[in-house]
């Protein structure tokens, strides 16, 4: 199955301020229909 290449920026592009309490990652995944999706993943900072 061919997946689509997404161009994602590395700088902070949100409307809310960045917090040092959380780690932010941009991720991509392919859903069961073969569509490439992009998402923001937030996890607690250790």
PDB file of N, CA and C in Angstrom:
ATOM      1  N   UNK A   1       0.847  -1.189   0.000  1.00  0.00           N
ATOM      2  CA  UNK A   1       0.000   0.000   0.000  1.00  0.00           C
ATOM      3  C   UNK A   1       0.886   1.244   0.000  1.00  0.00           C
ATOM      4  N   UNK A   2       0.615   2.179  -0.875  1.00  0.00           N
ATOM      5  CA  UNK A   2       1.388   3.411  -0.959  1.00  0.00           C
ATOM      6  C   UNK A   2       0.838   4.439   0.028  1.00  0.00           C
ATOM      7  N   UNK A   3       1.715   5.033   0.827  1.00  0.00           N
ATOM      8  CA  UNK A   3       1.287   6.066   1.771  1.00  0.00           C
ATOM      9  C   UNK A   3       1.704   7.429   1.264  1.00  0.00           C
ATOM     10  N   UNK A   4       0.967   8.419   1.660  1.00  0.00           N
ATOM     11  CA  UNK A   4       1.229   9.794   1.237  1.00  0.00           C
ATOM     12  C   UNK A   4       2.256  10.442   2.144  1.00  0.00           C
ATOM     13  N   UNK A   5       3.184  11.199   1.560  1.00  0.00           N
ATOM     14  CA  UNK A   5       4.179  11.947   2.325  1.00  0.00           C
ATOM     15  C   UNK A   5       3.551  13.255   2.797  1.00  0.00           C
ATOM     16  N   UNK A   6       3.617  13.524   4.080  1.00  0.00           N
ATOM     17  CA  UNK A   6       3.097  14.770   4.634  1.00  0.00           C
ATOM     18  C   UNK A   6       4.264  15.658   5.032  1.00  0.00           C
ATOM     19  N   UNK A   7       4.147  16.933   4.762  1.00  0.00           N
ATOM     20  CA  UNK A   7       5.162  17.901   5.174  1.00  0.00           C
ATOM     21  C   UNK A   7       4.682  18.561   6.456  1.00  0.00           C
ATOM     22  N   UNK A   8       5.439  18.366   7.531  1.00  0.00           N
ATOM     23  CA  UNK A   8       5.047  18.933   8.811  1.00  0.00           C
ATOM     24  C   UNK A   8       6.123  19.890   9.296  1.00  0.00           C
ATOM     25  N   UNK A   9       5.703  20.975   9.927  1.00  0.00           N
ATOM     26  CA  UNK A   9       6.645  21.960  10.448  1.00  0.00           C
ATOM     27  C   UNK A   9       7.125  21.527  11.829  1.00  0.00           C
ATOM     28  N   UNK A  10       8.321  21.954  12.201  1.00  0.00           N
ATOM     29  CA  UNK A  10       8.862  21.562  13.505  1.00  0.00           C
ATOM     30  C   UNK A  10       8.651  22.636  14.574  1.00  0.00           C
ATOM     31  N   UNK A  11       8.350  23.877  14.162  1.00  0.00           N
ATOM     32  CA  UNK A  11       8.146  24.937  15.157  1.00  0.00           C
ATOM     33  C   UNK A  11       6.742  24.853  15.761  1.00  0.00           C
ATOM     34  N   UNK A  12       6.569  25.508  16.887  1.00  0.00           N
ATOM     35  CA  UNK A  12       5.294  25.523  17.608  1.00  0.00           C
ATOM     36  C   UNK A  12       4.265  26.292  16.778  1.00  0.00           C
ATOM     37  N   UNK A  13       3.182  25.638  16.403  1.00  0.00           N
ATOM     38  CA  UNK A  13       2.182  26.252  15.519  1.00  0.00           C
ATOM     39  C   UNK A  13       0.772  26.225  16.115  1.00  0.00           C
ATOM     40  N   UNK A  14       0.691  26.220  17.431  1.00  0.00           N
ATOM     41  CA  UNK A  14      -0.612  26.159  18.115  1.00  0.00           C
ATOM     42  C   UNK A  14      -1.045  27.557  18.553  1.00  0.00           C
ATOM     43  N   UNK A  15      -2.335  27.707  18.839  1.00  0.00           N
ATOM     44  CA  UNK A  15      -2.855  29.003  19.292  1.00  0.00           C
ATOM     45  C   UNK A  15      -2.675  29.191  20.791  1.00  0.00           C
ATOM     46  N   UNK A  16      -2.358  28.129  21.518  1.00  0.00           N
ATOM     47  CA  UNK A  16      -2.150  28.221  22.960  1.00  0.00           C
ATOM     48  C   UNK A  16      -0.655  28.155  23.259  1.00  0.00           C
ATOM     49  N   UNK A  17      -0.244  28.692  24.422  1.00  0.00           N
ATOM     50  CA  UNK A  17       1.193  28.721  24.745  1.00  0.00           C
ATOM     51  C   UNK A  17       1.761  27.325  25.008  1.00  0.00           C
ATOM     52  N   UNK A  18       2.998  27.150  24.657  1.00  0.00           N
ATOM     53  CA  UNK A  18       3.697  25.896  24.900  1.00  0.00           C
ATOM     54  C   UNK A  18       3.992  25.752  26.381  1.00  0.00           C
ATOM     55  N   UNK A  19       3.825  24.550  26.909  1.00  0.00           N
ATOM     56  CA  UNK A  19       4.069  24.297  28.325  1.00  0.00           C
ATOM     57  C   UNK A  19       5.249  23.351  28.489  1.00  0.00           C
ATOM     58  N   UNK A  20       6.058  23.611  29.478  1.00  0.00           N
ATOM     59  CA  UNK A  20       7.182  22.724  29.790  1.00  0.00           C
ATOM     60  C   UNK A  20       6.711  21.479  30.540  1.00  0.00           C
ATOM     61  N   UNK A  21       5.451  21.427  30.927  1.00  0.00           N
ATOM     62  CA  UNK A  21       4.904  20.288  31.669  1.00  0.00           C
ATOM     63  C   UNK A  21       4.514  19.125  30.761  1.00  0.00           C
ATOM     64  N   UNK A  22       4.441  19.375  29.459  1.00  0.00           N
ATOM     65  CA  UNK A  22       4.074  18.317  28.516  1.00  0.00           C
ATOM     66  C   UNK A  22       5.074  18.245  27.374  1.00  0.00           C
ATOM     67  N   UNK A  23       5.235  17.043  26.856  1.00  0.00           N
ATOM     68  CA  UNK A  23       6.064  16.828  25.683  1.00  0.00           C
ATOM     69  C   UNK A  23       5.136  16.749  24.480  1.00  0.00           C
ATOM     70  N   UNK A  24       5.515  17.392  23.400  1.00  0.00           N
ATOM     71  CA  UNK A  24       4.683  17.440  22.195  1.00  0.00           C
ATOM     72  C   UNK A  24       5.417  16.784  21.040  1.00  0.00           C
ATOM     73  N   UNK A  25       4.714  15.889  20.343  1.00  0.00           N
ATOM     74  CA  UNK A  25       5.268  15.251  19.152  1.00  0.00           C
ATOM     75  C   UNK A  25       4.214  15.291  18.057  1.00  0.00           C
ATOM     76  N   UNK A  26       4.652  15.474  16.822  1.00  0.00           N
ATOM     77  CA  UNK A  26       3.759  15.361  15.672  1.00  0.00           C
ATOM     78  C   UNK A  26       3.946  13.956  15.113  1.00  0.00           C
ATOM     79  N   UNK A  27       2.848  13.264  14.921  1.00  0.00           N
ATOM     80  CA  UNK A  27       2.915  11.893  14.435  1.00  0.00           C
ATOM     81  C   UNK A  27       2.022  11.736  13.207  1.00  0.00           C
ATOM     82  N   UNK A  28       2.307  10.714  12.429  1.00  0.00           N
ATOM     83  CA  UNK A  28       1.448  10.347  11.312  1.00  0.00           C
ATOM     84  C   UNK A  28       1.158   8.859  11.411  1.00  0.00           C
ATOM     85  N   UNK A  29       0.031   8.458  10.888  1.00  0.00           N
ATOM     86  CA  UNK A  29      -0.319   7.057  10.823  1.00  0.00           C
ATOM     87  C   UNK A  29      -1.305   6.850   9.676  1.00  0.00           C
ATOM     88  N   UNK A  30      -1.422   5.633   9.239  1.00  0.00           N
ATOM     89  CA  UNK A  30      -2.329   5.291   8.152  1.00  0.00           C
ATOM     90  C   UNK A  30      -3.516   4.557   8.755  1.00  0.00           C
ATOM     91  N   UNK A  31      -4.723   5.044   8.471  1.00  0.00           N
ATOM     92  CA  UNK A  31      -5.902   4.386   9.025  1.00  0.00           C
ATOM     93  C   UNK A  31      -6.272   3.158   8.186  1.00  0.00           C
ATOM     94  N   UNK A  32      -7.312   2.467   8.556  1.00  0.00           N
ATOM     95  CA  UNK A  32      -7.657   1.216   7.891  1.00  0.00           C
ATOM     96  C   UNK A  32      -8.150   1.407   6.467  1.00  0.00           C
ATOM     97  N   UNK A  33      -8.439   2.634   6.080  1.00  0.00           N
ATOM     98  CA  UNK A  33      -8.859   2.925   4.715  1.00  0.00           C
ATOM     99  C   UNK A  33      -7.692   3.369   3.828  1.00  0.00           C
ATOM    100  N   UNK A  34      -6.480   3.387   4.407  1.00  0.00           N
ATOM    101  CA  UNK A  34      -5.291   3.751   3.655  1.00  0.00           C
ATOM    102  C   UNK A  34      -5.022   5.239   3.596  1.00  0.00           C
ATOM    103  N   UNK A  35      -5.729   6.021   4.406  1.00  0.00           N
ATOM    104  CA  UNK A  35      -5.552   7.468   4.427  1.00  0.00           C
ATOM    105  C   UNK A  35      -4.503   7.832   5.466  1.00  0.00           C
ATOM    106  N   UNK A  36      -3.524   8.626   5.081  1.00  0.00           N
ATOM    107  CA  UNK A  36      -2.491   9.087   6.009  1.00  0.00           C
ATOM    108  C   UNK A  36      -3.040  10.251   6.820  1.00  0.00           C
ATOM    109  N   UNK A  37      -3.000  10.122   8.135  1.00  0.00           N
ATOM    110  CA  UNK A  37      -3.482  11.151   9.050  1.00  0.00           C
ATOM    111  C   UNK A  37      -2.322  11.701   9.861  1.00  0.00           C
ATOM    112  N   UNK A  38      -2.426  12.958  10.241  1.00  0.00           N
ATOM    113  CA  UNK A  38      -1.430  13.597  11.100  1.00  0.00           C
ATOM    114  C   UNK A  38      -2.110  14.004  12.396  1.00  0.00           C
ATOM    115  N   UNK A  39      -1.356  13.948  13.496  1.00  0.00           N
ATOM    116  CA  UNK A  39      -1.917  14.278  14.801  1.00  0.00           C
ATOM    117  C   UNK A  39      -0.841  14.873  15.701  1.00  0.00           C
ATOM    118  N   UNK A  40      -1.289  15.562  16.735  1.00  0.00           N
ATOM    119  CA  UNK A  40      -0.398  16.054  17.783  1.00  0.00           C
ATOM    120  C   UNK A  40      -0.551  15.123  18.978  1.00  0.00           C
ATOM    121  N   UNK A  41       0.576  14.631  19.489  1.00  0.00           N
ATOM    122  CA  UNK A  41       0.533  13.751  20.657  1.00  0.00           C
ATOM    123  C   UNK A  41       1.161  14.483  21.841  1.00  0.00           C
ATOM    124  N   UNK A  42       0.443  14.547  22.922  1.00  0.00           N
ATOM    125  CA  UNK A  42       0.902  15.216  24.142  1.00  0.00           C
ATOM    126  C   UNK A  42       1.032  14.174  25.253  1.00  0.00           C
ATOM    127  N   UNK A  43       2.195  14.144  25.894  1.00  0.00           N
ATOM    128  CA  UNK A  43       2.431  13.237  27.016  1.00  0.00           C
ATOM    129  C   UNK A  43       3.031  14.049  28.167  1.00  0.00           C
ATOM    130  N   UNK A  44       2.800  13.616  29.403  1.00  0.00           N
ATOM    131  CA  UNK A  44       3.382  14.330  30.533  1.00  0.00           C
ATOM    132  C   UNK A  44       4.912  14.331  30.462  1.00  0.00           C
ATOM    133  N   UNK A  45       5.508  15.456  30.790  1.00  0.00           N
ATOM    134  CA  UNK A  45       6.967  15.571  30.832  1.00  0.00           C
ATOM    135  C   UNK A  45       7.464  14.973  32.134  1.00  0.00           C
ATOM    136  N   UNK A  46       8.509  14.187  32.084  1.00  0.00           N
ATOM    137  CA  UNK A  46       9.002  13.509  33.289  1.00  0.00           C
ATOM    138  C   UNK A  46       9.982  14.341  34.035  1.00  0.00           C
TER     139      UNK A  46
END
